[in-house]
Amino acid sequence: MYKNILVPMALDHDISSDTLEIAHALQEKGGKIVALHVYDTPQGVATAYLDEDTIASAYKAAKARLIEKVAHLDGVEAKIIQGHSSRTIIDYADENKVDCIVIGSHRPDLRDYFLGSTASRVVRHAKCAVHVYRREG
């Protein structure tokens, strides 16, 4: 059982309800669960076509969607942070003394073996336990 669990959530995947359920099953009595969405701010050429209001509006919409996804769950704190997904998840876990990360993963394809998915990077670099959930099918 774990006292401080982090559940990274990609808002465009429909796996977060499963990973949050797993986190509750692994949670020690009195423990804490943080649902974290990492907002990857547009970079490079894309920024030439997006003004600050558009970027701020997208961030605000992502935050609202995250809060909506966890609002019905007791004891889950929603957090959104700007950054690069895997690096930000690992840094957050280190800085907040997370003892378990529950992360969803898609079926790997060829590009993941060369580049690595967010889940595989977290598994390789996290200093705490990592539970990876991959939905059947």
C-alpha atoms as a PDB file:
ATOM      1  CA  MET A   1       0.000   0.000   0.000  1.00  0.00           C
ATOM      2  CA  TYR A   2       1.126   3.514  -0.806  1.00  0.00           C
ATOM      3  CA  LYS A   3       0.729   6.807   1.036  1.00  0.00           C
ATOM      4  CA  ASN A   4       1.400   9.334  -1.764  1.00  0.00           C
ATOM      5  CA  ILE A   5       0.206   8.246  -5.232  1.00  0.00           C
ATOM      6  CA  LEU A   6       0.555  10.189  -8.466  1.00  0.00           C
ATOM      7  CA  VAL A   7      -1.752   9.458 -11.408  1.00  0.00           C
ATOM      8  CA  PRO A   8      -0.587  11.222 -14.588  1.00  0.00           C
ATOM      9  CA  MET A   9      -3.586  11.879 -16.840  1.00  0.00           C
ATOM     10  CA  ALA A  10      -3.636  12.491 -20.580  1.00  0.00           C
ATOM     11  CA  LEU A  11      -6.962  14.213 -21.129  1.00  0.00           C
ATOM     12  CA  ASP A  12      -7.344  12.868 -24.659  1.00  0.00           C
ATOM     13  CA  HIS A  13      -7.138   9.199 -23.597  1.00  0.00           C
ATOM     14  CA  ASP A  14     -10.022   7.372 -21.978  1.00  0.00           C
ATOM     15  CA  ILE A  15      -7.896   5.399 -19.533  1.00  0.00           C
ATOM     16  CA  SER A  16      -7.758   7.776 -16.564  1.00  0.00           C
ATOM     17  CA  SER A  17     -10.818   6.353 -14.784  1.00  0.00           C
ATOM     18  CA  ASP A  18      -9.078   2.951 -14.737  1.00  0.00           C
ATOM     19  CA  THR A  19      -5.770   4.297 -13.422  1.00  0.00           C
ATOM     20  CA  LEU A  20      -7.562   6.299 -10.719  1.00  0.00           C
ATOM     21  CA  GLU A  21      -9.457   3.158  -9.658  1.00  0.00           C
ATOM     22  CA  ILE A  22      -6.150   1.268  -9.418  1.00  0.00           C
ATOM     23  CA  ALA A  23      -4.662   4.113  -7.354  1.00  0.00           C
ATOM     24  CA  HIS A  24      -7.572   3.873  -4.897  1.00  0.00           C
ATOM     25  CA  ALA A  25      -6.977   0.114  -4.568  1.00  0.00           C
ATOM     26  CA  LEU A  26      -3.277   0.728  -3.825  1.00  0.00           C
ATOM     27  CA  GLN A  27      -3.874   3.644  -1.458  1.00  0.00           C
ATOM     28  CA  GLU A  28      -2.944   3.269   2.175  1.00  0.00           C
ATOM     29  CA  LYS A  29      -5.570   4.457   4.651  1.00  0.00           C
ATOM     30  CA  GLY A  30      -5.090   8.208   5.015  1.00  0.00           C
ATOM     31  CA  GLY A  31      -3.017   8.331   1.840  1.00  0.00           C
ATOM     32  CA  LYS A  32      -3.243  10.922  -0.895  1.00  0.00           C
ATOM     33  CA  ILE A  33      -3.846  10.697  -4.652  1.00  0.00           C
ATOM     34  CA  VAL A  34      -2.888  13.473  -7.050  1.00  0.00           C
ATOM     35  CA  ALA A  35      -4.260  13.432 -10.598  1.00  0.00           C
ATOM     36  CA  LEU A  36      -1.672  15.318 -12.649  1.00  0.00           C
ATOM     37  CA  HIS A  37      -2.058  16.614 -16.168  1.00  0.00           C
ATOM     38  CA  VAL A  38       1.057  17.973 -17.844  1.00  0.00           C
ATOM     39  CA  TYR A  39       0.133  20.719 -20.279  1.00  0.00           C
ATOM     40  CA  ASP A  40       2.722  20.748 -23.028  1.00  0.00           C
ATOM     41  CA  THR A  41       2.841  24.390 -24.133  1.00  0.00           C
ATOM     42  CA  PRO A  42       3.065  24.789 -27.925  1.00  0.00           C
ATOM     43  CA  GLN A  43       6.667  25.187 -29.084  1.00  0.00           C
ATOM     44  CA  GLY A  44       8.589  26.222 -32.178  1.00  0.00           C
ATOM     45  CA  VAL A  45       6.780  27.173 -35.376  1.00  0.00           C
ATOM     46  CA  ALA A  46       3.341  26.626 -33.808  1.00  0.00           C
ATOM     47  CA  THR A  47       3.859  29.653 -31.579  1.00  0.00           C
ATOM     48  CA  ALA A  48       3.985  31.912 -34.647  1.00  0.00           C
ATOM     49  CA  TYR A  49       0.318  31.082 -35.274  1.00  0.00           C
ATOM     50  CA  LEU A  50      -0.951  31.191 -31.691  1.00  0.00           C
ATOM     51  CA  ASP A  51      -1.336  34.308 -29.613  1.00  0.00           C
ATOM     52  CA  GLU A  52      -1.047  34.362 -25.820  1.00  0.00           C
ATOM     53  CA  ASP A  53      -4.847  34.485 -25.369  1.00  0.00           C
ATOM     54  CA  THR A  54      -5.295  31.302 -27.413  1.00  0.00           C
ATOM     55  CA  ILE A  55      -2.637  29.474 -25.403  1.00  0.00           C
ATOM     56  CA  ALA A  56      -4.104  30.722 -22.105  1.00  0.00           C
ATOM     57  CA  SER A  57      -7.589  29.684 -23.216  1.00  0.00           C
ATOM     58  CA  ALA A  58      -6.383  26.163 -24.103  1.00  0.00           C
ATOM     59  CA  TYR A  59      -4.648  25.857 -20.711  1.00  0.00           C
ATOM     60  CA  LYS A  60      -7.827  27.001 -18.933  1.00  0.00           C
ATOM     61  CA  ALA A  61      -9.915  24.458 -20.904  1.00  0.00           C
ATOM     62  CA  ALA A  62      -7.472  21.642 -20.032  1.00  0.00           C
ATOM     63  CA  LYS A  63      -7.627  22.577 -16.347  1.00  0.00           C
ATOM     64  CA  ALA A  64     -11.441  22.582 -16.403  1.00  0.00           C
ATOM     65  CA  ARG A  65     -11.495  19.177 -18.108  1.00  0.00           C
ATOM     66  CA  LEU A  66      -9.101  17.717 -15.526  1.00  0.00           C
ATOM     67  CA  ILE A  67     -11.194  19.038 -12.640  1.00  0.00           C
ATOM     68  CA  GLU A  68     -14.333  17.637 -14.290  1.00  0.00           C
ATOM     69  CA  LYS A  69     -12.728  14.177 -14.615  1.00  0.00           C
ATOM     70  CA  VAL A  70     -11.930  13.949 -10.887  1.00  0.00           C
ATOM     71  CA  ALA A  71     -14.720  16.049  -9.339  1.00  0.00           C
ATOM     72  CA  HIS A  72     -16.814  12.997  -8.434  1.00  0.00           C
ATOM     73  CA  LEU A  73     -13.899  11.225  -6.729  1.00  0.00           C
ATOM     74  CA  ASP A  74     -13.271  11.638  -3.011  1.00  0.00           C
ATOM     75  CA  GLY A  75      -9.723  12.273  -1.930  1.00  0.00           C
ATOM     76  CA  VAL A  76      -8.269  13.033  -5.371  1.00  0.00           C
ATOM     77  CA  GLU A  77      -6.495  16.341  -5.868  1.00  0.00           C
ATOM     78  CA  ALA A  78      -6.318  17.698  -9.429  1.00  0.00           C
ATOM     79  CA  LYS A  79      -3.119  19.447 -10.534  1.00  0.00           C
ATOM     80  CA  ILE A  80      -2.046  20.823 -13.886  1.00  0.00           C
ATOM     81  CA  ILE A  81       1.541  21.811 -14.637  1.00  0.00           C
ATOM     82  CA  GLN A  82       3.159  23.133 -17.792  1.00  0.00           C
ATOM     83  CA  GLY A  83       6.132  21.196 -19.102  1.00  0.00           C
ATOM     84  CA  HIS A  84       7.347  18.146 -21.001  1.00  0.00           C
ATOM     85  CA  SER A  85       5.227  15.146 -20.016  1.00  0.00           C
ATOM     86  CA  SER A  86       7.666  12.484 -18.813  1.00  0.00           C
ATOM     87  CA  ARG A  87      10.252  14.874 -17.361  1.00  0.00           C
ATOM     88  CA  THR A  88       7.581  16.868 -15.502  1.00  0.00           C
ATOM     89  CA  ILE A  89       5.971  13.708 -14.082  1.00  0.00           C
ATOM     90  CA  ILE A  90       9.330  12.463 -12.795  1.00  0.00           C
ATOM     91  CA  ASP A  91      10.299  15.858 -11.350  1.00  0.00           C
ATOM     92  CA  TYR A  92       6.901  16.249  -9.646  1.00  0.00           C
ATOM     93  CA  ALA A  93       7.204  12.766  -8.124  1.00  0.00           C
ATOM     94  CA  ASP A  94      10.692  13.532  -6.788  1.00  0.00           C
ATOM     95  CA  GLU A  95       9.804  16.973  -5.415  1.00  0.00           C
ATOM     96  CA  ASN A  96       6.627  15.741  -3.700  1.00  0.00           C
ATOM     97  CA  LYS A  97       7.950  12.476  -2.248  1.00  0.00           C
ATOM     98  CA  VAL A  98       5.564  10.340  -4.306  1.00  0.00           C
ATOM     99  CA  ASP A  99       5.956   6.655  -3.440  1.00  0.00           C
ATOM    100  CA  CYS A 100       3.939   5.256  -6.359  1.00  0.00           C
ATOM    101  CA  ILE A 101       3.013   6.407  -9.862  1.00  0.00           C
ATOM    102  CA  VAL A 102       0.040   4.740 -11.572  1.00  0.00           C
ATOM    103  CA  ILE A 103       0.251   5.468 -15.287  1.00  0.00           C
ATOM    104  CA  GLY A 104      -1.701   4.272 -18.295  1.00  0.00           C
ATOM    105  CA  SER A 105      -0.004   3.137 -21.465  1.00  0.00           C
ATOM    106  CA  HIS A 106      -1.023   2.338 -25.017  1.00  0.00           C
ATOM    107  CA  ARG A 107       0.193  -0.697 -26.914  1.00  0.00           C
ATOM    108  CA  PRO A 108       3.718   0.135 -28.073  1.00  0.00           C
ATOM    109  CA  ASP A 109       4.431   0.337 -31.771  1.00  0.00           C
ATOM    110  CA  LEU A 110       7.718   0.561 -33.656  1.00  0.00           C
ATOM    111  CA  ARG A 111       8.291   4.270 -33.006  1.00  0.00           C
ATOM    112  CA  ASP A 112       8.049   3.671 -29.229  1.00  0.00           C
ATOM    113  CA  TYR A 113      11.038   1.347 -29.388  1.00  0.00           C
ATOM    114  CA  PHE A 114      13.116   4.174 -30.819  1.00  0.00           C
ATOM    115  CA  LEU A 115      11.620   7.199 -29.069  1.00  0.00           C
ATOM    116  CA  GLY A 116       9.913   5.709 -26.010  1.00  0.00           C
ATOM    117  CA  SER A 117       6.438   6.500 -24.751  1.00  0.00           C
ATOM    118  CA  THR A 118       5.777   8.684 -21.726  1.00  0.00           C
ATOM    119  CA  ALA A 119       5.051   5.604 -19.610  1.00  0.00           C
ATOM    120  CA  SER A 120       8.280   3.872 -20.601  1.00  0.00           C
ATOM    121  CA  ARG A 121      10.340   6.986 -19.808  1.00  0.00           C
ATOM    122  CA  VAL A 122       8.649   7.271 -16.412  1.00  0.00           C
ATOM    123  CA  VAL A 123       9.338   3.584 -15.689  1.00  0.00           C
ATOM    124  CA  ARG A 124      13.005   3.987 -16.614  1.00  0.00           C
ATOM    125  CA  HIS A 125      13.660   7.164 -14.616  1.00  0.00           C
ATOM    126  CA  ALA A 126      11.270   7.319 -11.645  1.00  0.00           C
ATOM    127  CA  LYS A 127      12.803   6.742  -8.219  1.00  0.00           C
ATOM    128  CA  CYS A 128       9.581   5.255  -6.836  1.00  0.00           C
ATOM    129  CA  ALA A 129       7.336   2.314  -7.682  1.00  0.00           C
ATOM    130  CA  VAL A 130       5.538   2.617 -11.018  1.00  0.00           C
ATOM    131  CA  HIS A 131       2.413   0.615 -11.876  1.00  0.00           C
ATOM    132  CA  VAL A 132       1.656   0.609 -15.599  1.00  0.00           C
ATOM    133  CA  TYR A 133      -1.885  -0.132 -16.716  1.00  0.00           C
ATOM    134  CA  ARG A 134      -2.515  -1.256 -20.264  1.00  0.00           C
ATOM    135  CA  ARG A 135      -6.137  -1.801 -21.221  1.00  0.00           C
ATOM    136  CA  GLU A 136      -7.002  -5.091 -22.961  1.00  0.00           C
ATOM    137  CA  GLY A 137      -7.520  -4.994 -26.707  1.00  0.00           C
END
